[in-house]
Amino acid sequence: MSSVGNWPQSAAETEGPKGLAQTTHASRSQDVTNSNSPTLPEPDFSWDPDANPPIAGLRPHRSKSYRLEPEILGNKLVVHNYGHGGAGITMSWGCAHEIVDIISSRGFIPNQGVAVLGSGVMGLTAATLLARRNLHVTIYAKSFSTSYDVECRRRAMGTITRRT
């Protein structure tokens, strides 16, 4: 039998579907263990936030899934968009397009005002796409990063107002 992939000829092989040779998981592990390369130690994922408080990298998330849905509160349409965890940067454009679809389907027209709460990637991406629809966007946030704010304004051609 021939060796599968780049595994050494010493690997134990078995016949797979349609007569294809397959290397067993146990033999691959043995080949790696028997190699001359050093073996890495098992990682330690334990963490005590009191002894080692976080300073960056934590993102709020929801236990089941993020929330992206409209809700009527009084006479206001609120589109919830939060809980993406560390996937916010990955999901921001898709979620922003969903928000634009929701807003558009509710009859919002150019030059009408909308508010975005938060100036993270989700808020700025949604604000950018809403401004491109010629809606007057006001972003409300605790604080703003100058570089984010400048880029957001540049992309939206000055139709975004910020409020803290």
N, C-alpha and C. Protein backbone atom coordinates (compact mmCIF):
# COMPACT_ATOMS: atom_id res chain seq x y z
N MET A 1 0.83 -1.19 0.00
CA MET A 1 0.00 0.00 0.00
C MET A 1 0.87 1.25 0.00
N SER A 2 0.36 2.30 -0.61
CA SER A 2 1.11 3.56 -0.61
C SER A 2 0.69 4.41 0.58
N SER A 3 1.54 5.35 0.96
CA SER A 3 1.25 6.23 2.08
C SER A 3 0.28 7.32 1.65
N VAL A 4 -0.61 7.72 2.56
CA VAL A 4 -1.58 8.78 2.27
C VAL A 4 -1.00 10.11 2.72
N GLY A 5 -1.16 11.14 1.91
CA GLY A 5 -0.68 12.47 2.28
C GLY A 5 0.82 12.48 2.41
N ASN A 6 1.31 13.17 3.42
CA ASN A 6 2.75 13.28 3.64
C ASN A 6 3.23 12.41 4.80
N TRP A 7 2.43 11.44 5.22
CA TRP A 7 2.82 10.61 6.36
C TRP A 7 3.87 9.61 5.93
N PRO A 8 4.81 9.29 6.83
CA PRO A 8 5.88 8.35 6.51
C PRO A 8 5.35 6.98 6.13
N GLN A 9 6.16 6.23 5.42
CA GLN A 9 5.78 4.88 5.00
C GLN A 9 5.51 3.97 6.20
N SER A 10 6.07 4.30 7.38
CA SER A 10 5.89 3.45 8.55
C SER A 10 4.49 3.52 9.15
N ALA A 11 3.67 4.46 8.71
CA ALA A 11 2.34 4.60 9.28
C ALA A 11 1.48 3.39 8.94
N ALA A 12 0.70 2.93 9.91
CA ALA A 12 -0.20 1.81 9.66
C ALA A 12 -1.33 2.29 8.77
N GLU A 13 -1.62 1.56 7.71
CA GLU A 13 -2.65 1.98 6.78
C GLU A 13 -3.76 0.93 6.72
N THR A 14 -4.95 1.40 6.42
CA THR A 14 -6.09 0.51 6.25
C THR A 14 -6.77 0.84 4.94
N GLU A 15 -7.52 -0.11 4.42
CA GLU A 15 -8.28 0.13 3.20
C GLU A 15 -9.53 0.93 3.54
N GLY A 16 -9.79 1.99 2.80
CA GLY A 16 -10.96 2.81 3.02
C GLY A 16 -11.99 2.55 1.93
N PRO A 17 -12.98 3.43 1.79
CA PRO A 17 -14.01 3.28 0.78
C PRO A 17 -13.40 3.20 -0.62
N LYS A 18 -13.95 2.36 -1.45
CA LYS A 18 -13.53 2.18 -2.84
C LYS A 18 -12.04 1.84 -2.95
N GLY A 19 -11.50 1.16 -1.94
CA GLY A 19 -10.13 0.68 -2.02
C GLY A 19 -9.07 1.75 -1.79
N LEU A 20 -9.46 2.95 -1.32
CA LEU A 20 -8.48 4.00 -1.09
C LEU A 20 -7.75 3.73 0.21
N ALA A 21 -6.46 3.97 0.21
CA ALA A 21 -5.67 3.76 1.42
C ALA A 21 -5.91 4.91 2.38
N GLN A 22 -6.06 4.61 3.67
CA GLN A 22 -6.25 5.63 4.69
C GLN A 22 -5.29 5.37 5.83
N THR A 23 -4.73 6.41 6.39
CA THR A 23 -3.88 6.30 7.56
C THR A 23 -4.75 6.46 8.79
N THR A 24 -4.61 5.57 9.76
CA THR A 24 -5.43 5.66 10.97
C THR A 24 -4.94 6.79 11.85
N HIS A 25 -5.87 7.34 12.65
CA HIS A 25 -5.54 8.44 13.56
C HIS A 25 -4.46 8.01 14.54
N ALA A 26 -4.57 6.82 15.09
CA ALA A 26 -3.60 6.34 16.07
C ALA A 26 -2.21 6.28 15.46
N SER A 27 -2.10 5.82 14.24
CA SER A 27 -0.77 5.71 13.63
C SER A 27 -0.19 7.08 13.32
N ARG A 28 -1.06 8.05 12.95
CA ARG A 28 -0.55 9.41 12.71
C ARG A 28 0.02 9.99 13.99
N SER A 29 -0.70 9.82 15.11
CA SER A 29 -0.22 10.32 16.39
C SER A 29 1.10 9.67 16.77
N GLN A 30 1.21 8.38 16.53
CA GLN A 30 2.43 7.66 16.86
C GLN A 30 3.59 8.17 16.00
N ASP A 31 3.33 8.41 14.71
CA ASP A 31 4.38 8.92 13.84
C ASP A 31 4.86 10.29 14.29
N VAL A 32 3.94 11.15 14.72
CA VAL A 32 4.33 12.48 15.19
C VAL A 32 5.12 12.35 16.48
N THR A 33 4.65 11.49 17.41
CA THR A 33 5.33 11.28 18.67
C THR A 33 6.72 10.70 18.46
N ASN A 34 6.86 9.81 17.50
CA ASN A 34 8.14 9.17 17.25
C ASN A 34 9.08 10.02 16.40
N SER A 35 8.63 11.16 15.94
CA SER A 35 9.48 12.00 15.11
C SER A 35 10.53 12.69 15.97
N ASN A 36 11.49 13.30 15.34
CA ASN A 36 12.56 14.00 16.06
C ASN A 36 12.19 15.42 16.44
N SER A 37 11.00 15.88 16.05
CA SER A 37 10.59 17.23 16.39
C SER A 37 10.07 17.28 17.83
N PRO A 38 10.28 18.41 18.52
CA PRO A 38 9.82 18.50 19.91
C PRO A 38 8.30 18.49 19.99
N THR A 39 7.78 17.94 21.07
CA THR A 39 6.33 17.92 21.30
C THR A 39 5.96 19.10 22.18
N LEU A 40 4.92 19.82 21.79
CA LEU A 40 4.48 20.98 22.57
C LEU A 40 3.74 20.52 23.81
N PRO A 41 3.86 21.26 24.92
CA PRO A 41 3.11 20.89 26.13
C PRO A 41 1.62 21.17 25.92
N GLU A 42 0.80 20.52 26.72
CA GLU A 42 -0.64 20.77 26.69
C GLU A 42 -0.90 22.20 27.14
N PRO A 43 -1.78 22.96 26.47
CA PRO A 43 -2.05 24.34 26.89
C PRO A 43 -2.83 24.38 28.20
N ASP A 44 -2.61 25.43 28.97
CA ASP A 44 -3.33 25.64 30.21
C ASP A 44 -4.34 26.77 29.97
N PHE A 45 -5.64 26.44 29.92
CA PHE A 45 -6.68 27.42 29.65
C PHE A 45 -7.34 27.95 30.91
N SER A 46 -6.79 27.63 32.06
CA SER A 46 -7.37 28.14 33.31
C SER A 46 -7.08 29.64 33.40
N TRP A 47 -8.01 30.37 34.02
CA TRP A 47 -7.86 31.81 34.12
C TRP A 47 -8.59 32.31 35.34
N ASP A 48 -7.92 33.11 36.13
CA ASP A 48 -8.51 33.72 37.31
C ASP A 48 -8.59 35.22 37.05
N PRO A 49 -9.79 35.76 36.73
CA PRO A 49 -9.90 37.18 36.40
C PRO A 49 -9.54 38.11 37.56
N ASP A 50 -9.62 37.63 38.80
CA ASP A 50 -9.24 38.46 39.94
C ASP A 50 -7.72 38.63 40.01
N ALA A 51 -7.01 37.54 39.76
CA ALA A 51 -5.55 37.59 39.80
C ALA A 51 -4.97 38.19 38.54
N ASN A 52 -5.65 38.01 37.43
CA ASN A 52 -5.18 38.46 36.12
C ASN A 52 -6.32 39.17 35.40
N PRO A 53 -6.67 40.41 35.77
CA PRO A 53 -7.84 41.05 35.16
C PRO A 53 -7.64 41.29 33.66
N PRO A 54 -8.71 41.20 32.90
CA PRO A 54 -8.59 41.43 31.46
C PRO A 54 -8.36 42.90 31.15
N ILE A 55 -7.59 43.15 30.11
CA ILE A 55 -7.38 44.55 29.71
C ILE A 55 -7.83 44.77 28.26
N ALA A 56 -8.03 43.72 27.51
CA ALA A 56 -8.46 43.87 26.12
C ALA A 56 -8.95 42.52 25.60
N GLY A 57 -9.70 42.58 24.52
CA GLY A 57 -10.06 41.36 23.82
C GLY A 57 -11.37 40.72 24.20
N LEU A 58 -12.01 41.14 25.27
CA LEU A 58 -13.28 40.53 25.64
C LEU A 58 -14.41 41.23 24.89
N ARG A 59 -15.30 40.46 24.33
CA ARG A 59 -16.42 41.02 23.58
C ARG A 59 -17.72 40.47 24.15
N PRO A 60 -18.73 41.33 24.36
CA PRO A 60 -20.00 40.83 24.88
C PRO A 60 -20.66 39.89 23.88
N HIS A 61 -21.23 38.84 24.39
CA HIS A 61 -21.93 37.89 23.52
C HIS A 61 -23.14 37.35 24.25
N ARG A 62 -24.00 36.72 23.50
CA ARG A 62 -25.19 36.08 24.08
C ARG A 62 -24.95 34.59 24.06
N SER A 63 -25.52 33.87 24.99
CA SER A 63 -25.23 32.44 25.10
C SER A 63 -25.74 31.63 23.91
N LYS A 64 -26.84 32.03 23.29
CA LYS A 64 -27.37 31.24 22.18
C LYS A 64 -26.99 31.82 20.83
N SER A 65 -27.23 33.09 20.64
CA SER A 65 -26.94 33.73 19.36
C SER A 65 -27.01 35.24 19.53
N TYR A 66 -26.54 35.95 18.55
CA TYR A 66 -26.65 37.41 18.57
C TYR A 66 -28.11 37.80 18.35
N ARG A 67 -28.43 39.06 18.59
CA ARG A 67 -29.80 39.54 18.39
C ARG A 67 -29.81 40.58 17.28
N LEU A 68 -30.58 40.34 16.24
CA LEU A 68 -30.79 41.28 15.15
C LEU A 68 -32.25 41.20 14.78
N GLU A 69 -33.05 42.13 15.35
CA GLU A 69 -34.48 42.11 15.10
C GLU A 69 -35.10 43.47 15.43
N PRO A 70 -36.17 43.81 14.73
CA PRO A 70 -36.87 45.07 15.02
C PRO A 70 -37.84 44.92 16.18
N GLU A 71 -38.10 46.03 16.85
CA GLU A 71 -39.09 46.07 17.93
C GLU A 71 -39.66 47.49 17.97
N ILE A 72 -40.97 47.58 18.16
CA ILE A 72 -41.61 48.88 18.31
C ILE A 72 -41.67 49.21 19.80
N LEU A 73 -41.07 50.34 20.19
CA LEU A 73 -41.12 50.81 21.57
C LEU A 73 -41.79 52.18 21.55
N GLY A 74 -43.02 52.23 22.02
CA GLY A 74 -43.79 53.47 21.94
C GLY A 74 -44.06 53.78 20.48
N ASN A 75 -43.61 54.94 20.03
CA ASN A 75 -43.78 55.29 18.62
C ASN A 75 -42.45 55.20 17.85
N LYS A 76 -41.47 54.49 18.41
CA LYS A 76 -40.15 54.37 17.79
C LYS A 76 -39.89 52.94 17.32
N LEU A 77 -39.23 52.83 16.19
CA LEU A 77 -38.75 51.54 15.71
C LEU A 77 -37.32 51.37 16.22
N VAL A 78 -37.08 50.30 16.95
CA VAL A 78 -35.75 49.99 17.45
C VAL A 78 -35.30 48.70 16.76
N VAL A 79 -34.12 48.73 16.16
CA VAL A 79 -33.55 47.51 15.58
C VAL A 79 -32.41 47.08 16.48
N HIS A 80 -32.61 45.98 17.18
CA HIS A 80 -31.58 45.45 18.08
C HIS A 80 -30.52 44.76 17.24
N ASN A 81 -29.26 45.02 17.56
CA ASN A 81 -28.15 44.40 16.84
C ASN A 81 -26.96 44.32 17.79
N TYR A 82 -26.93 43.24 18.58
CA TYR A 82 -25.86 43.12 19.58
C TYR A 82 -25.62 41.65 19.92
N GLY A 83 -24.54 41.42 20.67
CA GLY A 83 -24.23 40.08 21.16
C GLY A 83 -23.44 39.24 20.18
N HIS A 84 -22.68 39.85 19.30
CA HIS A 84 -21.93 39.11 18.28
C HIS A 84 -20.62 38.54 18.80
N GLY A 85 -20.23 38.93 20.01
CA GLY A 85 -18.97 38.44 20.56
C GLY A 85 -17.80 38.88 19.70
N GLY A 86 -16.82 38.03 19.57
CA GLY A 86 -15.64 38.33 18.78
C GLY A 86 -15.88 38.30 17.29
N ALA A 87 -17.09 37.98 16.84
CA ALA A 87 -17.39 37.90 15.41
C ALA A 87 -17.93 39.20 14.85
N GLY A 88 -17.95 40.26 15.64
CA GLY A 88 -18.52 41.52 15.18
C GLY A 88 -17.89 42.05 13.91
N ILE A 89 -16.58 42.04 13.83
CA ILE A 89 -15.91 42.57 12.65
C ILE A 89 -16.26 41.71 11.42
N THR A 90 -16.42 40.43 11.62
CA THR A 90 -16.75 39.53 10.53
C THR A 90 -18.19 39.72 10.06
N MET A 91 -19.09 39.93 11.00
CA MET A 91 -20.51 39.98 10.70
C MET A 91 -21.04 41.39 10.44
N SER A 92 -20.22 42.42 10.63
CA SER A 92 -20.72 43.79 10.64
C SER A 92 -21.39 44.19 9.33
N TRP A 93 -20.81 43.90 8.19
CA TRP A 93 -21.41 44.34 6.93
C TRP A 93 -22.70 43.59 6.63
N GLY A 94 -22.74 42.30 6.87
CA GLY A 94 -23.97 41.55 6.64
C GLY A 94 -25.10 42.02 7.53
N CYS A 95 -24.78 42.24 8.81
CA CYS A 95 -25.80 42.74 9.75
C CYS A 95 -26.24 44.15 9.38
N ALA A 96 -25.31 44.98 8.94
CA ALA A 96 -25.67 46.35 8.54
C ALA A 96 -26.61 46.33 7.34
N HIS A 97 -26.38 45.43 6.40
CA HIS A 97 -27.29 45.31 5.25
C HIS A 97 -28.68 44.85 5.71
N GLU A 98 -28.72 43.96 6.70
CA GLU A 98 -30.02 43.53 7.25
C GLU A 98 -30.74 44.71 7.90
N ILE A 99 -30.01 45.53 8.61
CA ILE A 99 -30.61 46.71 9.25
C ILE A 99 -31.18 47.65 8.18
N VAL A 100 -30.42 47.89 7.13
CA VAL A 100 -30.90 48.75 6.04
C VAL A 100 -32.18 48.17 5.44
N ASP A 101 -32.22 46.85 5.25
CA ASP A 101 -33.43 46.21 4.71
C ASP A 101 -34.63 46.41 5.65
N ILE A 102 -34.39 46.25 6.95
CA ILE A 102 -35.48 46.43 7.92
C ILE A 102 -35.97 47.88 7.90
N ILE A 103 -35.04 48.84 7.93
CA ILE A 103 -35.40 50.26 7.93
C ILE A 103 -36.14 50.61 6.64
N SER A 104 -35.63 50.13 5.52
CA SER A 104 -36.26 50.44 4.22
C SER A 104 -37.66 49.85 4.12
N SER A 105 -37.84 48.65 4.66
CA SER A 105 -39.16 48.01 4.57
C SER A 105 -40.19 48.70 5.47
N ARG A 106 -39.74 49.51 6.41
CA ARG A 106 -40.65 50.23 7.32
C ARG A 106 -40.99 51.62 6.81
N GLY A 107 -40.56 51.96 5.59
CA GLY A 107 -40.98 53.21 4.98
C GLY A 107 -40.11 54.42 5.25
N PHE A 108 -38.92 54.23 5.77
CA PHE A 108 -38.02 55.38 5.98
C PHE A 108 -37.60 55.92 4.62
N ILE A 109 -37.55 57.24 4.51
CA ILE A 109 -37.25 57.89 3.24
C ILE A 109 -36.01 58.78 3.40
N PRO A 110 -35.35 59.15 2.28
CA PRO A 110 -34.17 60.01 2.36
C PRO A 110 -34.42 61.26 3.18
N ASN A 111 -33.38 61.69 3.87
CA ASN A 111 -33.36 62.86 4.75
C ASN A 111 -34.13 62.67 6.05
N GLN A 112 -34.70 61.52 6.27
CA GLN A 112 -35.34 61.24 7.54
C GLN A 112 -34.26 60.89 8.56
N GLY A 113 -34.47 61.23 9.81
CA GLY A 113 -33.48 60.98 10.85
C GLY A 113 -33.56 59.59 11.44
N VAL A 114 -32.41 59.00 11.69
CA VAL A 114 -32.32 57.73 12.41
C VAL A 114 -31.18 57.85 13.41
N ALA A 115 -31.26 57.09 14.47
CA ALA A 115 -30.23 57.10 15.51
C ALA A 115 -29.56 55.74 15.58
N VAL A 116 -28.28 55.74 15.84
CA VAL A 116 -27.51 54.52 16.07
C VAL A 116 -26.90 54.65 17.45
N LEU A 117 -27.10 53.64 18.28
CA LEU A 117 -26.53 53.64 19.62
C LEU A 117 -25.26 52.80 19.60
N GLY A 118 -24.13 53.43 19.85
CA GLY A 118 -22.85 52.72 19.90
C GLY A 118 -21.98 53.04 18.70
N SER A 119 -20.68 53.19 18.98
CA SER A 119 -19.75 53.54 17.91
C SER A 119 -18.71 52.46 17.68
N GLY A 120 -19.05 51.23 18.02
CA GLY A 120 -18.16 50.12 17.68
C GLY A 120 -18.34 49.77 16.21
N VAL A 121 -17.74 48.67 15.82
CA VAL A 121 -17.80 48.29 14.40
C VAL A 121 -19.23 48.09 13.93
N MET A 122 -20.09 47.54 14.76
CA MET A 122 -21.48 47.31 14.36
C MET A 122 -22.21 48.64 14.15
N GLY A 123 -22.07 49.57 15.09
CA GLY A 123 -22.73 50.85 14.98
C GLY A 123 -22.23 51.67 13.80
N LEU A 124 -20.91 51.72 13.63
CA LEU A 124 -20.35 52.52 12.54
C LEU A 124 -20.68 51.93 11.16
N THR A 125 -20.68 50.61 11.06
CA THR A 125 -21.02 50.00 9.78
C THR A 125 -22.48 50.25 9.43
N ALA A 126 -23.36 50.08 10.41
CA ALA A 126 -24.78 50.36 10.17
C ALA A 126 -24.97 51.83 9.81
N ALA A 127 -24.31 52.72 10.55
CA ALA A 127 -24.44 54.16 10.28
C ALA A 127 -23.96 54.50 8.88
N THR A 128 -22.88 53.89 8.45
CA THR A 128 -22.34 54.15 7.11
C THR A 128 -23.34 53.75 6.03
N LEU A 129 -23.92 52.55 6.14
CA LEU A 129 -24.87 52.11 5.12
C LEU A 129 -26.17 52.90 5.17
N LEU A 130 -26.61 53.27 6.35
CA LEU A 130 -27.82 54.09 6.46
C LEU A 130 -27.59 55.47 5.85
N ALA A 131 -26.42 56.04 6.09
CA ALA A 131 -26.10 57.35 5.51
C ALA A 131 -26.02 57.27 3.99
N ARG A 132 -25.53 56.16 3.47
CA ARG A 132 -25.48 55.98 2.01
C ARG A 132 -26.88 55.91 1.40
N ARG A 133 -27.89 55.63 2.22
CA ARG A 133 -29.29 55.65 1.77
C ARG A 133 -29.88 57.05 1.94
N ASN A 134 -29.02 58.01 2.20
CA ASN A 134 -29.42 59.41 2.38
C ASN A 134 -30.31 59.63 3.60
N LEU A 135 -30.12 58.84 4.63
CA LEU A 135 -30.79 59.07 5.90
C LEU A 135 -29.86 59.91 6.77
N HIS A 136 -30.44 60.78 7.59
CA HIS A 136 -29.62 61.59 8.50
C HIS A 136 -29.38 60.75 9.75
N VAL A 137 -28.13 60.37 9.96
CA VAL A 137 -27.77 59.45 11.05
C VAL A 137 -27.13 60.22 12.19
N THR A 138 -27.60 59.96 13.40
CA THR A 138 -26.96 60.47 14.61
C THR A 138 -26.48 59.27 15.40
N ILE A 139 -25.19 59.26 15.73
CA ILE A 139 -24.62 58.18 16.53
C ILE A 139 -24.53 58.66 17.97
N TYR A 140 -25.08 57.88 18.88
CA TYR A 140 -24.98 58.15 20.32
C TYR A 140 -24.04 57.12 20.92
N ALA A 141 -23.01 57.58 21.62
CA ALA A 141 -22.04 56.67 22.21
C ALA A 141 -21.40 57.30 23.43
N LYS A 142 -20.86 56.47 24.29
CA LYS A 142 -20.16 56.94 25.47
C LYS A 142 -18.91 57.72 25.06
N SER A 143 -18.20 57.23 24.04
CA SER A 143 -17.01 57.91 23.55
C SER A 143 -16.78 57.53 22.09
N PHE A 144 -15.90 58.27 21.45
CA PHE A 144 -15.58 58.02 20.05
C PHE A 144 -14.08 57.96 19.87
N SER A 145 -13.65 57.06 19.03
CA SER A 145 -12.25 57.02 18.62
C SER A 145 -12.11 57.98 17.45
N THR A 146 -11.15 58.86 17.51
CA THR A 146 -10.99 59.86 16.47
C THR A 146 -10.84 59.23 15.09
N SER A 147 -10.01 58.20 14.98
CA SER A 147 -9.79 57.59 13.65
C SER A 147 -11.08 56.95 13.12
N TYR A 148 -11.86 56.29 13.98
CA TYR A 148 -13.13 55.71 13.55
C TYR A 148 -14.10 56.80 13.10
N ASP A 149 -14.18 57.85 13.91
CA ASP A 149 -15.12 58.92 13.61
C ASP A 149 -14.77 59.59 12.28
N VAL A 150 -13.50 59.88 12.07
CA VAL A 150 -13.08 60.52 10.82
C VAL A 150 -13.38 59.63 9.63
N GLU A 151 -13.06 58.35 9.74
CA GLU A 151 -13.31 57.42 8.63
C GLU A 151 -14.81 57.27 8.37
N CYS A 152 -15.59 57.19 9.43
CA CYS A 152 -17.03 57.06 9.27
C CYS A 152 -17.60 58.30 8.57
N ARG A 153 -17.17 59.47 8.98
CA ARG A 153 -17.65 60.70 8.34
C ARG A 153 -17.21 60.76 6.87
N ARG A 154 -15.97 60.35 6.60
CA ARG A 154 -15.48 60.38 5.22
C ARG A 154 -16.33 59.48 4.34
N ARG A 155 -16.61 58.27 4.82
CA ARG A 155 -17.39 57.31 4.03
C ARG A 155 -18.82 57.78 3.83
N ALA A 156 -19.37 58.42 4.84
CA ALA A 156 -20.77 58.82 4.77
C ALA A 156 -20.95 60.23 4.20
N MET A 157 -19.87 60.85 3.79
CA MET A 157 -19.90 62.18 3.16
C MET A 157 -20.56 63.23 4.06
N GLY A 158 -20.26 63.17 5.34
CA GLY A 158 -20.69 64.22 6.26
C GLY A 158 -22.12 64.14 6.73
N THR A 159 -22.81 63.04 6.54
CA THR A 159 -24.21 62.98 6.94
C THR A 159 -24.39 62.33 8.31
N ILE A 160 -23.30 62.12 9.03
CA ILE A 160 -23.38 61.48 10.34
C ILE A 160 -23.02 62.49 11.43
N THR A 161 -23.87 62.57 12.43
CA THR A 161 -23.64 63.44 13.58
C THR A 161 -23.31 62.56 14.77
N ARG A 162 -22.41 63.00 15.62
CA ARG A 162 -22.10 62.20 16.81
C ARG A 162 -22.55 62.92 18.06
N ARG A 163 -22.99 62.15 19.05
CA ARG A 163 -23.42 62.71 20.33
C ARG A 163 -22.94 61.77 21.44
N THR A 164 -22.42 62.37 22.50
CA THR A 164 -21.98 61.56 23.65
C THR A 164 -22.93 61.74 24.79
